Each structure stands twice: as C-alpha cells, then as structure tokens.
Amino acid sequence: MMLLTGHVAGADWVKLFNGKNLDGWQVVGDGLWTVMRDGTVLGQRDLSIRYDPKPEINQSWLYTMSEFGEFDLHVEWWTRYGGNSGISVRDPTRARHAIVGPDSDKNKSPSHSGYEIQINNHYKDQYTTGSVYNFDTAKTGFQHDDDWNVLELEVRDTSGIKVKLNGTLVSQYAGEPGRPLRGPIGLQLHDQNSVVMFRDVRIREVKK
C-alpha cells in the first residue's frame, strides 16, 4: 500500500471493525448494516419499506463510537453502478440532520458540519469519488467501476485533507475555518437505491 506522507512516527494501524459484528459502531438512520462471514461490511435498505421516491434527505450512516483528531485512514469499498456513498470525518452531528425526522436539514448534513469524502459510481452528482464534498472536485480516471477500490485519507490540522484513490492523489483541501478538528469516522449509505460494501477499514493516528 502506498502511503501519503510516509510512516507516522510511533503509530500503528488499527482495524476499525472486528470482523464479526458492529461492536464499536453506531447505526444512524434506517439502513441495514451487517458484517458478512468474510468480515465485509454491507450497507443496504429494506426493500419491503415504501420510501418517498424523492425525499429531500434520507441517508443512513455507520459511525465509530470513538473520535479521532489527526490520522491516516485506509478504506476499501465497492458500490454498484449508480451507487452513492461517502466517508465522513470530524462530523460532530453524527448525521442526525441527514435522516428523515424532525431534525432533517440538508444544509447541516455531514459534508456541511465536518467533511465528507465522496464515493460515486456514476451517480448524478458533480462530485466524483475522492472529492472533498462541497470544497474540491476530485480528478477522474482512477476508479474501478466494477470492482473494489481503495481510498486513503490523510487528515491533519495544519495541512488539511488529502485523498488518494487507488494510489493516486485525486483531491486535497486545506480545511474550512471553524470546522472541528476532531470527530468520528462515518460510512454512508446515501439513498434507498444504493448498496455499498466496505472492507479492511483501518486507521493510524498521529501521536503528538
């Protein structure tokens, strides 16, 4: 695996899933999140539920119970054609405004409160995979549409966020003044038509 800036002194990679269940994680919204026998995490919706065909916002998220400051994050992901997902960092709201309910507000979703790194397999959105949503549109041409992909994030207080997709730096953003410098990691199931899988999700914290 290619790293963004080399080894972080005094830090080790830690897996964020135990390979058996969702211990240490919090489900937000009505997504069905399960751990399969090989340790892959699957996010999908219950097709027996009749959803509003055009809801203003109805996401589901899976958030770590723990919070993190500066770190490197490795995530392998797959989503079907037309799928939409993302990775949230430093979001203090834990996506409570991104689901149907009294607190729904698309202007307070994770990409507005912290940062969201986009995952997009031909979903109609200007932000392609690896984009720092709302801030920087990723370079294209490095995604495997019909296979697993790797996102590597470098999150720092001073240099901001850098994103690699399958080994290539595709997006970076210096950071938005006033945004939190610490928060949970979130994995997104964007809408009722998306299906997403994650594996080998691991973090390496910066030791100060």
N, C-alpha and C. Protein backbone atom coordinates (compact mmCIF):
# COMPACT_ATOMS: atom_id res chain seq x y z
N MET A 1 0.84 -1.20 0.00
CA MET A 1 0.00 0.00 0.00
C MET A 1 0.87 1.25 0.00
N MET A 2 0.55 2.18 -0.84
CA MET A 2 1.28 3.45 -0.90
C MET A 2 0.71 4.40 0.14
N LEU A 3 1.57 5.00 0.92
CA LEU A 3 1.15 5.95 1.94
C LEU A 3 1.28 7.37 1.42
N LEU A 4 0.56 8.27 2.03
CA LEU A 4 0.54 9.64 1.55
C LEU A 4 1.81 10.40 1.91
N THR A 5 2.26 10.27 3.13
CA THR A 5 3.43 11.05 3.53
C THR A 5 4.42 10.20 4.32
N GLY A 6 4.39 8.89 4.11
CA GLY A 6 5.32 8.05 4.83
C GLY A 6 4.80 7.65 6.19
N HIS A 7 5.63 6.97 6.94
CA HIS A 7 5.23 6.43 8.23
C HIS A 7 4.99 7.53 9.26
N VAL A 8 3.93 7.36 10.04
CA VAL A 8 3.66 8.27 11.14
C VAL A 8 4.38 7.73 12.37
N ALA A 9 5.33 8.48 12.86
CA ALA A 9 6.17 8.01 13.95
C ALA A 9 5.35 7.62 15.17
N GLY A 10 5.65 6.43 15.69
CA GLY A 10 5.02 5.99 16.93
C GLY A 10 3.61 5.50 16.79
N ALA A 11 3.11 5.33 15.55
CA ALA A 11 1.73 4.93 15.35
C ALA A 11 1.66 3.59 14.64
N ASP A 12 0.61 2.85 14.91
CA ASP A 12 0.36 1.56 14.27
C ASP A 12 -1.03 1.57 13.67
N TRP A 13 -1.22 0.77 12.62
CA TRP A 13 -2.53 0.63 12.02
C TRP A 13 -3.44 -0.17 12.93
N VAL A 14 -4.67 0.30 13.08
CA VAL A 14 -5.67 -0.37 13.91
C VAL A 14 -6.92 -0.59 13.06
N LYS A 15 -7.42 -1.83 13.04
CA LYS A 15 -8.64 -2.13 12.31
C LYS A 15 -9.85 -1.56 13.07
N LEU A 16 -10.77 -0.95 12.34
CA LEU A 16 -11.94 -0.35 12.97
C LEU A 16 -13.13 -1.30 13.06
N PHE A 17 -13.07 -2.44 12.38
CA PHE A 17 -14.07 -3.49 12.52
C PHE A 17 -13.40 -4.74 13.06
N ASN A 18 -14.11 -5.48 13.92
CA ASN A 18 -13.53 -6.69 14.49
C ASN A 18 -13.73 -7.92 13.60
N GLY A 19 -14.43 -7.75 12.46
CA GLY A 19 -14.63 -8.85 11.53
C GLY A 19 -15.80 -9.75 11.85
N LYS A 20 -16.50 -9.48 12.98
CA LYS A 20 -17.60 -10.34 13.41
C LYS A 20 -18.93 -9.62 13.54
N ASN A 21 -18.87 -8.39 14.06
CA ASN A 21 -20.11 -7.66 14.31
C ASN A 21 -19.82 -6.16 14.29
N LEU A 22 -20.82 -5.36 14.67
CA LEU A 22 -20.69 -3.91 14.62
C LEU A 22 -20.35 -3.30 15.98
N ASP A 23 -19.76 -4.07 16.86
CA ASP A 23 -19.31 -3.53 18.14
C ASP A 23 -18.39 -2.34 17.91
N GLY A 24 -18.63 -1.24 18.62
CA GLY A 24 -17.82 -0.05 18.46
C GLY A 24 -18.35 0.92 17.42
N TRP A 25 -19.50 0.55 16.81
CA TRP A 25 -20.10 1.38 15.77
C TRP A 25 -21.55 1.72 16.11
N GLN A 26 -22.03 2.83 15.57
CA GLN A 26 -23.39 3.33 15.80
C GLN A 26 -24.11 3.47 14.47
N VAL A 27 -25.27 2.83 14.33
CA VAL A 27 -26.08 2.96 13.12
C VAL A 27 -26.97 4.19 13.24
N VAL A 28 -26.94 5.05 12.21
CA VAL A 28 -27.79 6.23 12.14
C VAL A 28 -28.71 6.09 10.93
N GLY A 29 -30.02 6.22 11.13
CA GLY A 29 -30.96 6.06 10.03
C GLY A 29 -31.44 4.64 9.90
N ASP A 30 -32.19 4.36 8.82
CA ASP A 30 -32.85 3.06 8.67
C ASP A 30 -32.11 2.10 7.75
N GLY A 31 -30.83 2.32 7.54
CA GLY A 31 -30.05 1.39 6.74
C GLY A 31 -29.85 0.06 7.46
N LEU A 32 -29.71 -1.01 6.69
CA LEU A 32 -29.40 -2.32 7.24
C LEU A 32 -27.90 -2.56 7.08
N TRP A 33 -27.18 -2.50 8.17
CA TRP A 33 -25.72 -2.67 8.16
C TRP A 33 -25.40 -4.01 8.81
N THR A 34 -24.68 -4.85 8.09
CA THR A 34 -24.35 -6.17 8.59
C THR A 34 -22.89 -6.50 8.26
N VAL A 35 -22.33 -7.41 9.05
CA VAL A 35 -20.99 -7.92 8.79
C VAL A 35 -21.13 -9.34 8.24
N MET A 36 -20.62 -9.55 7.02
CA MET A 36 -20.71 -10.86 6.39
C MET A 36 -19.63 -11.80 6.93
N ARG A 37 -19.70 -13.08 6.55
CA ARG A 37 -18.81 -14.08 7.11
C ARG A 37 -17.34 -13.80 6.86
N ASP A 38 -17.03 -13.13 5.75
CA ASP A 38 -15.63 -12.83 5.46
C ASP A 38 -15.17 -11.52 6.07
N GLY A 39 -16.03 -10.88 6.89
CA GLY A 39 -15.68 -9.63 7.54
C GLY A 39 -16.06 -8.38 6.78
N THR A 40 -16.56 -8.54 5.55
CA THR A 40 -17.00 -7.38 4.76
C THR A 40 -18.26 -6.78 5.38
N VAL A 41 -18.31 -5.45 5.42
CA VAL A 41 -19.47 -4.74 5.96
C VAL A 41 -20.38 -4.35 4.80
N LEU A 42 -21.64 -4.72 4.90
CA LEU A 42 -22.63 -4.47 3.85
C LEU A 42 -23.67 -3.48 4.34
N GLY A 43 -23.93 -2.45 3.52
CA GLY A 43 -24.97 -1.48 3.80
C GLY A 43 -26.02 -1.51 2.70
N GLN A 44 -27.30 -1.67 3.09
CA GLN A 44 -28.38 -1.73 2.12
C GLN A 44 -29.67 -1.28 2.80
N ARG A 45 -30.76 -1.21 2.02
CA ARG A 45 -32.06 -0.83 2.56
C ARG A 45 -33.03 -2.00 2.51
N ASP A 46 -34.05 -1.98 3.35
CA ASP A 46 -35.11 -2.98 3.36
C ASP A 46 -36.07 -2.67 2.22
N LEU A 47 -36.13 -3.54 1.21
CA LEU A 47 -36.95 -3.28 0.03
C LEU A 47 -38.44 -3.40 0.31
N SER A 48 -38.82 -3.93 1.48
CA SER A 48 -40.24 -4.01 1.81
C SER A 48 -40.80 -2.68 2.30
N ILE A 49 -39.90 -1.73 2.60
CA ILE A 49 -40.33 -0.41 3.05
C ILE A 49 -40.62 0.47 1.83
N ARG A 50 -41.73 1.16 1.84
CA ARG A 50 -42.08 2.06 0.75
C ARG A 50 -41.53 3.45 1.08
N TYR A 51 -40.46 3.81 0.40
CA TYR A 51 -39.81 5.09 0.66
C TYR A 51 -40.42 6.18 -0.23
N ASP A 52 -40.36 7.41 0.25
CA ASP A 52 -40.68 8.57 -0.58
C ASP A 52 -39.75 8.53 -1.78
N PRO A 53 -40.28 8.52 -3.01
CA PRO A 53 -39.40 8.41 -4.18
C PRO A 53 -38.41 9.57 -4.34
N LYS A 54 -38.76 10.73 -3.80
CA LYS A 54 -37.86 11.88 -3.91
C LYS A 54 -37.77 12.61 -2.57
N PRO A 55 -37.23 11.95 -1.56
CA PRO A 55 -37.12 12.63 -0.25
C PRO A 55 -36.06 13.72 -0.32
N GLU A 56 -36.27 14.78 0.45
CA GLU A 56 -35.27 15.85 0.47
C GLU A 56 -33.94 15.31 0.99
N ILE A 57 -34.01 14.45 2.00
CA ILE A 57 -32.81 13.82 2.53
C ILE A 57 -33.22 12.58 3.33
N ASN A 58 -32.60 11.45 3.05
CA ASN A 58 -32.90 10.22 3.78
C ASN A 58 -31.69 9.29 3.70
N GLN A 59 -30.63 9.67 4.35
CA GLN A 59 -29.41 8.89 4.33
C GLN A 59 -29.38 7.91 5.50
N SER A 60 -28.40 7.01 5.47
CA SER A 60 -28.07 6.20 6.63
C SER A 60 -26.56 6.22 6.76
N TRP A 61 -26.09 6.19 8.01
CA TRP A 61 -24.66 6.25 8.27
C TRP A 61 -24.28 5.22 9.33
N LEU A 62 -23.04 4.82 9.28
CA LEU A 62 -22.46 3.95 10.29
C LEU A 62 -21.27 4.71 10.87
N TYR A 63 -21.33 5.06 12.16
CA TYR A 63 -20.31 5.90 12.79
C TYR A 63 -19.54 5.15 13.87
N THR A 64 -18.25 5.42 13.94
CA THR A 64 -17.46 4.90 15.05
C THR A 64 -17.92 5.57 16.34
N MET A 65 -17.91 4.81 17.42
CA MET A 65 -18.19 5.39 18.72
C MET A 65 -17.03 6.29 19.16
N SER A 66 -15.83 5.93 18.75
CA SER A 66 -14.64 6.70 19.10
C SER A 66 -14.50 7.91 18.18
N GLU A 67 -13.75 8.92 18.64
CA GLU A 67 -13.45 10.10 17.84
C GLU A 67 -11.95 10.20 17.63
N PHE A 68 -11.58 10.87 16.53
CA PHE A 68 -10.19 10.94 16.13
C PHE A 68 -9.82 12.35 15.70
N GLY A 69 -8.55 12.71 15.89
CA GLY A 69 -8.06 14.02 15.51
C GLY A 69 -7.31 13.98 14.20
N GLU A 70 -6.00 13.76 14.26
CA GLU A 70 -5.17 13.64 13.06
C GLU A 70 -4.87 12.17 12.81
N PHE A 71 -4.98 11.76 11.55
CA PHE A 71 -4.84 10.33 11.26
C PHE A 71 -4.68 10.07 9.76
N ASP A 72 -4.28 8.83 9.46
CA ASP A 72 -4.37 8.26 8.11
C ASP A 72 -5.46 7.21 8.17
N LEU A 73 -6.27 7.12 7.11
CA LEU A 73 -7.35 6.15 7.06
C LEU A 73 -7.29 5.39 5.75
N HIS A 74 -7.39 4.07 5.84
CA HIS A 74 -7.42 3.18 4.67
C HIS A 74 -8.79 2.52 4.60
N VAL A 75 -9.47 2.64 3.46
CA VAL A 75 -10.81 2.07 3.28
C VAL A 75 -10.89 1.42 1.90
N GLU A 76 -11.29 0.16 1.86
CA GLU A 76 -11.60 -0.49 0.59
C GLU A 76 -13.12 -0.54 0.45
N TRP A 77 -13.62 -0.20 -0.73
CA TRP A 77 -15.07 -0.08 -0.91
C TRP A 77 -15.52 -0.59 -2.26
N TRP A 78 -16.79 -0.96 -2.32
CA TRP A 78 -17.47 -1.33 -3.56
C TRP A 78 -18.89 -0.80 -3.48
N THR A 79 -19.38 -0.27 -4.60
CA THR A 79 -20.80 0.06 -4.72
C THR A 79 -21.23 -0.20 -6.15
N ARG A 80 -22.49 -0.58 -6.32
CA ARG A 80 -22.95 -0.93 -7.66
C ARG A 80 -23.10 0.31 -8.53
N TYR A 81 -23.26 0.08 -9.84
CA TYR A 81 -23.43 1.17 -10.79
C TYR A 81 -24.62 2.05 -10.36
N GLY A 82 -24.39 3.34 -10.28
CA GLY A 82 -25.40 4.27 -9.82
C GLY A 82 -25.38 4.49 -8.32
N GLY A 83 -24.47 3.81 -7.62
CA GLY A 83 -24.41 3.91 -6.17
C GLY A 83 -23.73 5.18 -5.69
N ASN A 84 -24.13 5.59 -4.49
CA ASN A 84 -23.60 6.81 -3.88
C ASN A 84 -23.29 6.49 -2.42
N SER A 85 -22.09 6.85 -1.99
CA SER A 85 -21.68 6.63 -0.61
C SER A 85 -20.67 7.70 -0.24
N GLY A 86 -20.03 7.53 0.89
CA GLY A 86 -19.02 8.51 1.29
C GLY A 86 -18.42 8.14 2.63
N ILE A 87 -17.39 8.88 2.99
CA ILE A 87 -16.71 8.73 4.27
C ILE A 87 -16.74 10.07 4.98
N SER A 88 -17.28 10.08 6.18
CA SER A 88 -17.35 11.31 6.96
C SER A 88 -16.22 11.37 7.97
N VAL A 89 -15.60 12.54 8.09
CA VAL A 89 -14.60 12.76 9.13
C VAL A 89 -14.93 14.06 9.87
N ARG A 90 -14.66 14.05 11.17
CA ARG A 90 -14.80 15.24 12.02
C ARG A 90 -16.21 15.84 11.99
N ASP A 91 -17.22 14.98 11.92
CA ASP A 91 -18.61 15.45 11.93
C ASP A 91 -19.20 15.31 13.32
N PRO A 92 -19.36 16.41 14.06
CA PRO A 92 -19.88 16.32 15.43
C PRO A 92 -21.37 15.97 15.51
N THR A 93 -22.10 16.13 14.40
CA THR A 93 -23.54 15.87 14.41
C THR A 93 -23.86 14.39 14.28
N ARG A 94 -22.90 13.59 13.85
CA ARG A 94 -23.14 12.17 13.60
C ARG A 94 -24.36 11.96 12.70
N ALA A 95 -24.50 12.84 11.72
CA ALA A 95 -25.50 12.74 10.65
C ALA A 95 -26.95 12.79 11.12
N ARG A 96 -27.20 13.34 12.29
CA ARG A 96 -28.59 13.35 12.76
C ARG A 96 -29.49 14.24 11.90
N HIS A 97 -28.91 15.17 11.15
CA HIS A 97 -29.70 16.03 10.28
C HIS A 97 -29.87 15.44 8.88
N ALA A 98 -29.26 14.27 8.63
CA ALA A 98 -29.26 13.68 7.29
C ALA A 98 -30.25 12.54 7.14
N ILE A 99 -31.12 12.36 8.13
CA ILE A 99 -32.12 11.31 8.06
C ILE A 99 -33.51 11.92 8.21
N VAL A 100 -34.52 11.20 7.76
CA VAL A 100 -35.89 11.69 7.85
C VAL A 100 -36.29 11.82 9.31
N GLY A 101 -36.83 12.97 9.68
CA GLY A 101 -37.24 13.20 11.05
C GLY A 101 -37.32 14.68 11.36
N PRO A 102 -37.60 15.03 12.60
CA PRO A 102 -37.77 16.45 12.97
C PRO A 102 -36.50 17.27 12.83
N ASP A 103 -35.32 16.62 12.84
CA ASP A 103 -34.06 17.36 12.74
C ASP A 103 -33.51 17.40 11.32
N SER A 104 -34.26 16.90 10.34
CA SER A 104 -33.77 16.85 8.96
C SER A 104 -33.42 18.24 8.45
N ASP A 105 -32.24 18.37 7.88
CA ASP A 105 -31.80 19.64 7.30
C ASP A 105 -30.61 19.35 6.40
N LYS A 106 -30.83 19.41 5.08
CA LYS A 106 -29.77 19.09 4.14
C LYS A 106 -28.59 20.04 4.24
N ASN A 107 -28.81 21.21 4.82
CA ASN A 107 -27.72 22.17 4.98
C ASN A 107 -26.89 21.94 6.24
N LYS A 108 -27.25 20.88 6.99
CA LYS A 108 -26.48 20.51 8.17
C LYS A 108 -26.01 19.06 8.11
N SER A 109 -25.99 18.51 6.89
CA SER A 109 -25.54 17.14 6.70
C SER A 109 -24.04 17.04 6.99
N PRO A 110 -23.47 15.83 7.08
CA PRO A 110 -22.05 15.69 7.43
C PRO A 110 -21.09 16.52 6.59
N SER A 111 -21.38 16.71 5.32
CA SER A 111 -20.48 17.49 4.48
C SER A 111 -20.51 18.97 4.82
N HIS A 112 -21.54 19.41 5.55
CA HIS A 112 -21.64 20.80 5.98
C HIS A 112 -21.14 21.01 7.41
N SER A 113 -21.12 19.94 8.19
CA SER A 113 -20.74 20.05 9.60
C SER A 113 -19.30 19.65 9.84
N GLY A 114 -18.86 18.61 9.15
CA GLY A 114 -17.46 18.17 9.19
C GLY A 114 -16.97 18.16 7.75
N TYR A 115 -16.53 16.97 7.30
CA TYR A 115 -16.12 16.80 5.91
C TYR A 115 -16.61 15.44 5.43
N GLU A 116 -16.98 15.38 4.15
CA GLU A 116 -17.34 14.11 3.54
C GLU A 116 -16.47 13.86 2.32
N ILE A 117 -15.89 12.67 2.26
CA ILE A 117 -15.14 12.24 1.09
C ILE A 117 -16.08 11.40 0.24
N GLN A 118 -16.33 11.84 -0.97
CA GLN A 118 -17.35 11.24 -1.82
C GLN A 118 -16.94 9.88 -2.38
N ILE A 119 -17.95 8.98 -2.47
CA ILE A 119 -17.85 7.73 -3.23
C ILE A 119 -19.01 7.75 -4.21
N ASN A 120 -18.71 7.62 -5.51
CA ASN A 120 -19.71 7.85 -6.53
C ASN A 120 -19.44 6.95 -7.74
N ASN A 121 -20.35 6.01 -7.99
CA ASN A 121 -20.22 5.15 -9.17
C ASN A 121 -21.30 5.52 -10.18
N HIS A 122 -21.06 6.63 -10.89
CA HIS A 122 -21.97 7.13 -11.92
C HIS A 122 -23.29 7.63 -11.36
N TYR A 123 -23.32 8.03 -10.10
CA TYR A 123 -24.47 8.73 -9.55
C TYR A 123 -24.43 10.16 -10.08
N LYS A 124 -25.60 10.75 -10.33
CA LYS A 124 -25.65 12.08 -10.92
C LYS A 124 -25.32 13.14 -9.87
N ASP A 125 -24.05 13.44 -9.76
CA ASP A 125 -23.55 14.43 -8.81
C ASP A 125 -22.24 14.97 -9.36
N GLN A 126 -22.01 16.26 -9.23
CA GLN A 126 -20.79 16.86 -9.76
C GLN A 126 -19.54 16.39 -9.02
N TYR A 127 -19.72 15.89 -7.79
CA TYR A 127 -18.57 15.47 -7.00
C TYR A 127 -18.30 13.98 -7.22
N THR A 128 -17.16 13.68 -7.82
CA THR A 128 -16.76 12.32 -8.14
C THR A 128 -16.03 11.70 -6.95
N THR A 129 -15.77 10.41 -7.05
CA THR A 129 -15.13 9.69 -5.96
C THR A 129 -13.80 10.33 -5.56
N GLY A 130 -13.63 10.51 -4.27
CA GLY A 130 -12.41 11.12 -3.74
C GLY A 130 -12.55 12.61 -3.48
N SER A 131 -13.61 13.22 -3.97
CA SER A 131 -13.82 14.65 -3.76
C SER A 131 -14.02 14.95 -2.28
N VAL A 132 -13.50 16.10 -1.84
CA VAL A 132 -13.87 16.63 -0.53
C VAL A 132 -15.14 17.42 -0.77
N TYR A 133 -16.27 16.81 -0.44
CA TYR A 133 -17.57 17.31 -0.87
C TYR A 133 -17.78 18.77 -0.46
N ASN A 134 -18.28 19.55 -1.41
CA ASN A 134 -18.54 20.99 -1.27
C ASN A 134 -17.29 21.84 -1.41
N PHE A 135 -16.11 21.23 -1.43
CA PHE A 135 -14.89 22.03 -1.43
C PHE A 135 -13.94 21.75 -2.59
N ASP A 136 -13.75 20.51 -2.96
CA ASP A 136 -12.78 20.20 -4.01
C ASP A 136 -13.25 18.99 -4.81
N THR A 137 -13.33 19.13 -6.14
CA THR A 137 -13.75 18.05 -7.02
C THR A 137 -12.55 17.21 -7.42
N ALA A 138 -12.66 15.91 -7.23
CA ALA A 138 -11.53 15.01 -7.47
C ALA A 138 -11.21 14.85 -8.95
N LYS A 139 -9.95 14.56 -9.23
CA LYS A 139 -9.54 14.16 -10.57
C LYS A 139 -10.19 12.82 -10.89
N THR A 140 -10.52 12.62 -12.16
CA THR A 140 -11.19 11.39 -12.57
C THR A 140 -10.25 10.49 -13.36
N GLY A 141 -10.73 9.26 -13.60
CA GLY A 141 -9.97 8.31 -14.41
C GLY A 141 -9.21 7.27 -13.61
N PHE A 142 -9.41 7.23 -12.31
CA PHE A 142 -8.65 6.30 -11.47
C PHE A 142 -9.54 5.30 -10.74
N GLN A 143 -10.83 5.33 -11.00
CA GLN A 143 -11.78 4.46 -10.32
C GLN A 143 -12.00 3.18 -11.11
N HIS A 144 -12.19 2.07 -10.38
CA HIS A 144 -12.60 0.80 -10.98
C HIS A 144 -14.12 0.68 -10.78
N ASP A 145 -14.89 0.93 -11.83
CA ASP A 145 -16.34 0.98 -11.68
C ASP A 145 -16.95 -0.34 -11.26
N ASP A 146 -16.36 -1.46 -11.68
CA ASP A 146 -16.97 -2.76 -11.44
C ASP A 146 -16.13 -3.65 -10.54
N ASP A 147 -15.40 -3.04 -9.63
CA ASP A 147 -14.52 -3.81 -8.76
C ASP A 147 -14.31 -3.03 -7.46
N TRP A 148 -13.52 -3.61 -6.58
CA TRP A 148 -13.15 -2.93 -5.34
C TRP A 148 -12.20 -1.78 -5.62
N ASN A 149 -12.29 -0.75 -4.80
CA ASN A 149 -11.42 0.42 -4.88
C ASN A 149 -10.85 0.72 -3.50
N VAL A 150 -9.75 1.47 -3.49
CA VAL A 150 -9.10 1.85 -2.23
C VAL A 150 -9.06 3.37 -2.11
N LEU A 151 -9.56 3.87 -0.99
CA LEU A 151 -9.40 5.28 -0.65
C LEU A 151 -8.45 5.38 0.53
N GLU A 152 -7.49 6.30 0.43
CA GLU A 152 -6.57 6.59 1.53
C GLU A 152 -6.68 8.06 1.87
N LEU A 153 -6.97 8.35 3.13
CA LEU A 153 -7.13 9.72 3.58
C LEU A 153 -6.00 10.09 4.52
N GLU A 154 -5.51 11.29 4.36
CA GLU A 154 -4.58 11.89 5.31
C GLU A 154 -5.28 13.12 5.88
N VAL A 155 -5.53 13.13 7.17
CA VAL A 155 -6.25 14.22 7.83
C VAL A 155 -5.33 14.87 8.86
N ARG A 156 -5.03 16.16 8.66
CA ARG A 156 -4.12 16.87 9.53
C ARG A 156 -4.71 18.24 9.89
N ASP A 157 -4.29 18.78 11.03
CA ASP A 157 -4.78 20.09 11.47
C ASP A 157 -4.25 21.20 10.59
N THR A 158 -2.98 21.15 10.23
CA THR A 158 -2.35 22.26 9.52
C THR A 158 -2.41 22.13 8.01
N SER A 159 -2.26 20.92 7.49
CA SER A 159 -2.24 20.73 6.03
C SER A 159 -3.57 20.29 5.46
N GLY A 160 -4.57 20.01 6.30
CA GLY A 160 -5.90 19.69 5.82
C GLY A 160 -6.08 18.23 5.44
N ILE A 161 -6.84 18.00 4.38
CA ILE A 161 -7.22 16.65 3.96
C ILE A 161 -6.64 16.36 2.58
N LYS A 162 -6.00 15.19 2.46
CA LYS A 162 -5.53 14.70 1.17
C LYS A 162 -6.15 13.34 0.93
N VAL A 163 -6.55 13.09 -0.32
CA VAL A 163 -7.26 11.86 -0.66
C VAL A 163 -6.59 11.17 -1.84
N LYS A 164 -6.27 9.89 -1.64
CA LYS A 164 -5.78 9.06 -2.73
C LYS A 164 -6.83 8.03 -3.10
N LEU A 165 -7.01 7.84 -4.42
CA LEU A 165 -7.90 6.81 -4.94
C LEU A 165 -7.05 5.83 -5.73
N ASN A 166 -7.01 4.59 -5.28
CA ASN A 166 -6.22 3.55 -5.93
C ASN A 166 -4.78 3.99 -6.19
N GLY A 167 -4.20 4.68 -5.19
CA GLY A 167 -2.79 5.04 -5.24
C GLY A 167 -2.46 6.39 -5.84
N THR A 168 -3.47 7.12 -6.35
CA THR A 168 -3.24 8.42 -6.99
C THR A 168 -3.90 9.52 -6.18
N LEU A 169 -3.14 10.60 -5.91
CA LEU A 169 -3.71 11.75 -5.23
C LEU A 169 -4.73 12.42 -6.14
N VAL A 170 -6.00 12.43 -5.71
CA VAL A 170 -7.07 12.97 -6.57
C VAL A 170 -7.71 14.23 -6.01
N SER A 171 -7.52 14.50 -4.72
CA SER A 171 -8.19 15.66 -4.13
C SER A 171 -7.47 16.07 -2.86
N GLN A 172 -7.51 17.38 -2.57
CA GLN A 172 -6.99 17.87 -1.30
C GLN A 172 -7.64 19.22 -0.98
N TYR A 173 -7.75 19.47 0.31
CA TYR A 173 -8.36 20.71 0.76
C TYR A 173 -7.72 21.13 2.06
N ALA A 174 -7.39 22.40 2.18
CA ALA A 174 -6.63 22.90 3.33
C ALA A 174 -7.44 22.92 4.62
N GLY A 175 -8.77 22.87 4.50
CA GLY A 175 -9.60 22.90 5.69
C GLY A 175 -10.42 24.18 5.76
N GLU A 176 -11.59 24.07 6.36
CA GLU A 176 -12.51 25.19 6.46
C GLU A 176 -12.43 25.80 7.86
N PRO A 177 -12.16 27.11 7.97
CA PRO A 177 -12.08 27.74 9.29
C PRO A 177 -13.35 27.49 10.10
N GLY A 178 -13.17 27.14 11.35
CA GLY A 178 -14.30 26.91 12.23
C GLY A 178 -14.80 25.48 12.27
N ARG A 179 -14.35 24.64 11.33
CA ARG A 179 -14.77 23.24 11.38
C ARG A 179 -14.01 22.51 12.49
N PRO A 180 -14.63 21.48 13.08
CA PRO A 180 -13.99 20.75 14.18
C PRO A 180 -12.68 20.10 13.75
N LEU A 181 -11.79 19.91 14.70
CA LEU A 181 -10.52 19.24 14.46
C LEU A 181 -10.52 17.83 15.02
N ARG A 182 -11.68 17.37 15.41
CA ARG A 182 -11.80 16.03 15.96
C ARG A 182 -13.24 15.54 15.77
N GLY A 183 -13.39 14.23 15.59
CA GLY A 183 -14.73 13.68 15.43
C GLY A 183 -14.67 12.22 15.05
N PRO A 184 -15.84 11.59 14.84
CA PRO A 184 -15.89 10.18 14.48
C PRO A 184 -15.62 9.95 13.00
N ILE A 185 -15.47 8.68 12.64
CA ILE A 185 -15.41 8.26 11.24
C ILE A 185 -16.78 7.71 10.87
N GLY A 186 -17.33 8.13 9.73
CA GLY A 186 -18.63 7.66 9.30
C GLY A 186 -18.59 7.05 7.91
N LEU A 187 -19.40 6.02 7.69
CA LEU A 187 -19.54 5.37 6.39
C LEU A 187 -20.99 5.55 5.94
N GLN A 188 -21.19 5.97 4.71
CA GLN A 188 -22.52 6.40 4.25
C GLN A 188 -23.21 5.39 3.35
N LEU A 189 -24.53 5.27 3.55
CA LEU A 189 -25.45 4.67 2.58
C LEU A 189 -26.37 5.81 2.18
N HIS A 190 -26.14 6.37 1.00
CA HIS A 190 -26.72 7.66 0.66
C HIS A 190 -28.23 7.64 0.48
N ASP A 191 -28.78 6.64 -0.20
CA ASP A 191 -30.20 6.66 -0.55
C ASP A 191 -30.72 5.23 -0.61
N GLN A 192 -32.06 5.11 -0.82
CA GLN A 192 -32.71 3.81 -0.78
C GLN A 192 -32.34 2.91 -1.94
N ASN A 193 -31.72 3.45 -2.99
CA ASN A 193 -31.35 2.66 -4.16
C ASN A 193 -29.89 2.22 -4.16
N SER A 194 -29.12 2.72 -3.23
CA SER A 194 -27.69 2.41 -3.18
C SER A 194 -27.42 1.16 -2.34
N VAL A 195 -26.38 0.44 -2.71
CA VAL A 195 -25.85 -0.68 -1.95
C VAL A 195 -24.34 -0.47 -1.88
N VAL A 196 -23.76 -0.67 -0.70
CA VAL A 196 -22.34 -0.39 -0.55
C VAL A 196 -21.70 -1.44 0.35
N MET A 197 -20.43 -1.75 0.08
CA MET A 197 -19.67 -2.67 0.91
C MET A 197 -18.32 -2.04 1.27
N PHE A 198 -17.84 -2.36 2.47
CA PHE A 198 -16.54 -1.88 2.93
C PHE A 198 -15.75 -3.04 3.53
N ARG A 199 -14.43 -2.97 3.37
CA ARG A 199 -13.56 -3.97 4.00
C ARG A 199 -12.20 -3.32 4.29
N ASP A 200 -11.44 -3.98 5.14
CA ASP A 200 -10.10 -3.51 5.51
C ASP A 200 -10.11 -2.03 5.87
N VAL A 201 -11.00 -1.64 6.76
CA VAL A 201 -11.09 -0.26 7.23
C VAL A 201 -10.16 -0.13 8.44
N ARG A 202 -9.12 0.66 8.28
CA ARG A 202 -8.14 0.78 9.37
C ARG A 202 -7.61 2.20 9.48
N ILE A 203 -7.17 2.54 10.67
CA ILE A 203 -6.74 3.90 10.96
C ILE A 203 -5.38 3.89 11.62
N ARG A 204 -4.63 4.95 11.40
CA ARG A 204 -3.34 5.15 12.06
C ARG A 204 -3.32 6.57 12.56
N GLU A 205 -3.42 6.72 13.87
CA GLU A 205 -3.48 8.05 14.47
C GLU A 205 -2.11 8.67 14.59
N VAL A 206 -2.08 9.98 14.46
CA VAL A 206 -0.86 10.74 14.66
C VAL A 206 -0.61 10.89 16.16
N LYS A 207 0.55 10.50 16.60
CA LYS A 207 0.91 10.62 18.01
C LYS A 207 1.59 11.95 18.23
N LYS A 208 0.98 12.79 19.06
CA LYS A 208 1.54 14.12 19.31
C LYS A 208 2.44 14.08 20.54
